[in-house]
């Protein structure tokens, strides 16, 4: 009798896993248009003396099917 609840829980977990995987596959194949991705979006600088500048470059990758046009950049 213990096997039946275990089997039901296992079956439920398997269905959830399959649905999750199929959703990820669908999302990864539907990259129509420009899609900007920043692999390392976070940057933490060392302490800086007031008045000095900090320079950091971010890599932006287009994983979409069309040209990515960046028209405006703002700091956060």
N, C-alpha and C. Protein backbone atom coordinates (compact mmCIF):
# COMPACT_ATOMS: atom_id res chain seq x y z
N UNK A 1 0.80 -1.20 0.00
CA UNK A 1 0.00 0.00 0.00
C UNK A 1 0.84 1.27 0.00
N UNK A 2 2.05 1.22 0.50
CA UNK A 2 2.91 2.40 0.54
C UNK A 2 3.34 2.78 -0.87
N UNK A 3 3.41 1.87 -1.77
CA UNK A 3 3.87 2.14 -3.13
C UNK A 3 2.91 3.04 -3.91
N UNK A 4 1.62 2.93 -3.65
CA UNK A 4 0.66 3.71 -4.42
C UNK A 4 0.83 5.22 -4.21
N UNK A 5 0.90 5.75 -2.97
CA UNK A 5 1.13 7.20 -2.80
C UNK A 5 2.47 7.64 -3.38
N UNK A 6 3.50 6.80 -3.21
CA UNK A 6 4.80 7.13 -3.79
C UNK A 6 4.71 7.22 -5.30
N UNK A 7 4.01 6.29 -5.92
CA UNK A 7 3.85 6.28 -7.37
C UNK A 7 3.10 7.53 -7.83
N UNK A 8 2.08 7.94 -7.12
CA UNK A 8 1.30 9.13 -7.50
C UNK A 8 2.17 10.38 -7.39
N UNK A 9 2.94 10.49 -6.31
CA UNK A 9 3.83 11.65 -6.15
C UNK A 9 4.89 11.64 -7.24
N UNK A 10 5.45 10.48 -7.53
CA UNK A 10 6.46 10.38 -8.58
C UNK A 10 5.88 10.77 -9.93
N UNK A 11 4.69 10.31 -10.24
CA UNK A 11 4.05 10.63 -11.51
C UNK A 11 3.77 12.13 -11.61
N UNK A 12 3.31 12.74 -10.54
CA UNK A 12 3.05 14.18 -10.53
C UNK A 12 4.35 14.96 -10.76
N UNK A 13 5.43 14.57 -10.07
CA UNK A 13 6.72 15.25 -10.25
C UNK A 13 7.23 15.09 -11.68
N UNK A 14 7.03 13.93 -12.26
CA UNK A 14 7.46 13.69 -13.63
C UNK A 14 6.69 14.58 -14.60
N UNK A 15 5.40 14.72 -14.41
CA UNK A 15 4.59 15.57 -15.28
C UNK A 15 5.03 17.03 -15.16
N UNK A 16 5.27 17.50 -13.94
CA UNK A 16 5.73 18.88 -13.74
C UNK A 16 7.08 19.08 -14.43
N UNK A 17 7.98 18.12 -14.30
CA UNK A 17 9.29 18.22 -14.93
C UNK A 17 9.17 18.29 -16.45
N UNK A 18 8.36 17.44 -17.03
CA UNK A 18 8.19 17.41 -18.49
C UNK A 18 7.59 18.73 -18.98
N UNK A 19 6.61 19.26 -18.26
CA UNK A 19 6.00 20.54 -18.66
C UNK A 19 7.02 21.67 -18.58
N UNK A 20 7.86 21.66 -17.56
CA UNK A 20 8.87 22.70 -17.40
C UNK A 20 9.89 22.64 -18.53
N UNK A 21 10.35 21.45 -18.86
CA UNK A 21 11.33 21.28 -19.93
C UNK A 21 10.73 21.70 -21.26
N UNK A 22 9.49 21.33 -21.54
CA UNK A 22 8.89 21.70 -22.82
C UNK A 22 8.68 23.20 -22.91
N UNK A 23 8.39 23.88 -21.80
CA UNK A 23 8.24 25.33 -21.80
C UNK A 23 9.58 26.00 -22.08
N UNK A 24 10.67 25.48 -21.51
CA UNK A 24 11.98 26.05 -21.75
C UNK A 24 12.41 25.85 -23.19
N UNK A 25 12.13 24.70 -23.77
CA UNK A 25 12.47 24.45 -25.17
C UNK A 25 11.68 25.40 -26.06
N UNK A 26 10.41 25.59 -25.76
CA UNK A 26 9.58 26.50 -26.56
C UNK A 26 10.11 27.92 -26.47
N UNK A 27 10.50 28.38 -25.27
CA UNK A 27 11.02 29.73 -25.11
C UNK A 27 12.34 29.91 -25.85
N UNK A 28 13.19 28.89 -25.84
CA UNK A 28 14.50 29.02 -26.49
C UNK A 28 14.40 29.01 -28.00
N UNK A 29 13.34 28.45 -28.57
CA UNK A 29 13.21 28.40 -30.02
C UNK A 29 12.41 29.57 -30.57
N UNK A 30 11.76 30.37 -29.72
CA UNK A 30 10.95 31.48 -30.18
C UNK A 30 11.63 32.82 -29.96
N UNK A 31 12.83 32.99 -30.44
CA UNK A 31 13.58 34.23 -30.30
C UNK A 31 13.45 35.06 -31.57
N UNK A 32 12.24 35.45 -31.90
CA UNK A 32 12.01 36.24 -33.10
C UNK A 32 12.20 37.71 -32.76
N UNK A 33 12.79 38.44 -33.69
CA UNK A 33 13.08 39.84 -33.45
C UNK A 33 14.38 39.96 -32.67
N UNK A 34 14.77 41.18 -32.33
CA UNK A 34 15.98 41.37 -31.55
C UNK A 34 15.76 41.01 -30.09
N UNK A 35 16.71 40.31 -29.49
CA UNK A 35 16.64 39.93 -28.08
C UNK A 35 18.00 40.21 -27.46
N UNK A 36 18.05 41.21 -26.58
CA UNK A 36 19.30 41.59 -25.93
C UNK A 36 19.50 40.77 -24.67
N UNK A 37 20.71 40.24 -24.50
CA UNK A 37 21.06 39.47 -23.31
C UNK A 37 22.39 40.02 -22.79
N UNK A 38 22.45 40.26 -21.49
CA UNK A 38 23.69 40.70 -20.85
C UNK A 38 24.16 39.56 -19.96
N UNK A 39 25.21 38.83 -20.37
CA UNK A 39 25.65 37.66 -19.61
C UNK A 39 26.05 37.97 -18.17
N UNK A 40 26.68 39.11 -17.93
CA UNK A 40 27.09 39.49 -16.57
C UNK A 40 26.53 40.89 -16.26
N UNK A 41 25.26 40.98 -15.85
CA UNK A 41 24.65 42.30 -15.70
C UNK A 41 25.06 43.04 -14.42
N UNK A 42 25.63 42.36 -13.45
CA UNK A 42 25.98 43.01 -12.17
C UNK A 42 27.45 43.37 -12.13
N UNK A 43 27.73 44.53 -11.56
CA UNK A 43 29.10 45.00 -11.40
C UNK A 43 29.22 45.66 -10.04
N UNK A 44 30.18 45.22 -9.24
CA UNK A 44 30.44 45.82 -7.94
C UNK A 44 31.85 46.39 -7.98
N UNK A 45 31.94 47.70 -7.77
CA UNK A 45 33.26 48.33 -7.83
C UNK A 45 33.90 48.38 -6.46
N UNK A 46 35.19 48.61 -6.47
CA UNK A 46 35.92 48.84 -5.23
C UNK A 46 35.60 50.26 -4.76
N UNK A 47 35.88 50.57 -3.52
CA UNK A 47 35.65 51.95 -3.05
C UNK A 47 36.42 52.96 -3.90
N UNK A 48 35.77 54.09 -4.17
CA UNK A 48 36.36 55.12 -5.03
C UNK A 48 36.35 56.45 -4.29
N UNK A 49 37.42 57.21 -4.44
CA UNK A 49 37.49 58.54 -3.85
C UNK A 49 36.52 59.45 -4.59
N UNK A 50 35.79 60.27 -3.85
CA UNK A 50 34.81 61.16 -4.45
C UNK A 50 35.45 62.04 -5.51
N UNK A 51 34.80 62.13 -6.65
CA UNK A 51 35.30 62.93 -7.75
C UNK A 51 35.98 62.10 -8.83
N UNK A 52 36.40 60.89 -8.52
CA UNK A 52 37.01 60.00 -9.52
C UNK A 52 35.93 59.28 -10.31
N UNK A 53 36.26 58.82 -11.48
CA UNK A 53 35.31 58.13 -12.35
C UNK A 53 35.53 56.62 -12.28
N UNK A 54 34.45 55.89 -12.55
CA UNK A 54 34.51 54.44 -12.68
C UNK A 54 34.14 54.10 -14.11
N UNK A 55 34.93 53.25 -14.74
CA UNK A 55 34.65 52.81 -16.10
C UNK A 55 34.48 51.30 -16.08
N UNK A 56 33.38 50.82 -16.68
CA UNK A 56 33.13 49.39 -16.77
C UNK A 56 32.40 49.12 -18.08
N UNK A 57 32.81 48.10 -18.80
CA UNK A 57 32.16 47.74 -20.05
C UNK A 57 31.25 46.55 -19.84
N UNK A 58 30.05 46.63 -20.41
CA UNK A 58 29.10 45.52 -20.39
C UNK A 58 29.03 44.93 -21.79
N UNK A 59 28.99 43.61 -21.87
CA UNK A 59 28.82 42.92 -23.14
C UNK A 59 27.33 42.68 -23.34
N UNK A 60 26.82 43.09 -24.49
CA UNK A 60 25.42 42.88 -24.83
C UNK A 60 25.39 41.97 -26.04
N UNK A 61 24.68 40.86 -25.92
CA UNK A 61 24.62 39.87 -27.00
C UNK A 61 23.20 39.82 -27.55
N UNK A 62 23.08 39.80 -28.86
CA UNK A 62 21.78 39.67 -29.52
C UNK A 62 21.57 38.20 -29.87
N UNK A 63 20.59 37.56 -29.21
CA UNK A 63 20.30 36.16 -29.52
C UNK A 63 19.04 36.02 -30.36
N UNK A 64 18.54 37.13 -30.86
CA UNK A 64 17.33 37.13 -31.68
C UNK A 64 17.64 36.90 -33.14
N UNK A 65 16.61 37.02 -33.95
CA UNK A 65 16.74 36.77 -35.38
C UNK A 65 16.90 38.03 -36.20
N UNK A 66 16.71 39.21 -35.58
CA UNK A 66 16.84 40.48 -36.30
C UNK A 66 17.91 41.34 -35.66
N UNK A 67 18.26 42.42 -36.34
CA UNK A 67 19.29 43.33 -35.87
C UNK A 67 18.84 44.05 -34.60
N UNK A 68 19.73 44.10 -33.62
CA UNK A 68 19.45 44.80 -32.37
C UNK A 68 19.94 46.23 -32.50
N UNK A 69 19.05 47.19 -32.29
CA UNK A 69 19.41 48.60 -32.35
C UNK A 69 19.26 49.19 -30.95
N UNK A 70 20.35 49.71 -30.41
CA UNK A 70 20.33 50.32 -29.08
C UNK A 70 20.23 51.82 -29.29
N UNK A 71 19.10 52.40 -28.89
CA UNK A 71 18.88 53.81 -29.15
C UNK A 71 19.13 54.69 -27.92
N UNK A 72 19.11 54.10 -26.71
CA UNK A 72 19.32 54.88 -25.50
C UNK A 72 19.87 54.00 -24.40
N UNK A 73 20.82 54.56 -23.65
CA UNK A 73 21.41 53.84 -22.53
C UNK A 73 21.29 54.74 -21.30
N UNK A 74 20.79 54.17 -20.20
CA UNK A 74 20.64 54.92 -18.95
C UNK A 74 21.34 54.16 -17.83
N UNK A 75 21.85 54.89 -16.86
CA UNK A 75 22.44 54.25 -15.68
C UNK A 75 21.33 53.99 -14.67
N UNK A 76 21.56 53.01 -13.83
CA UNK A 76 20.51 52.58 -12.96
C UNK A 76 20.49 53.16 -11.62
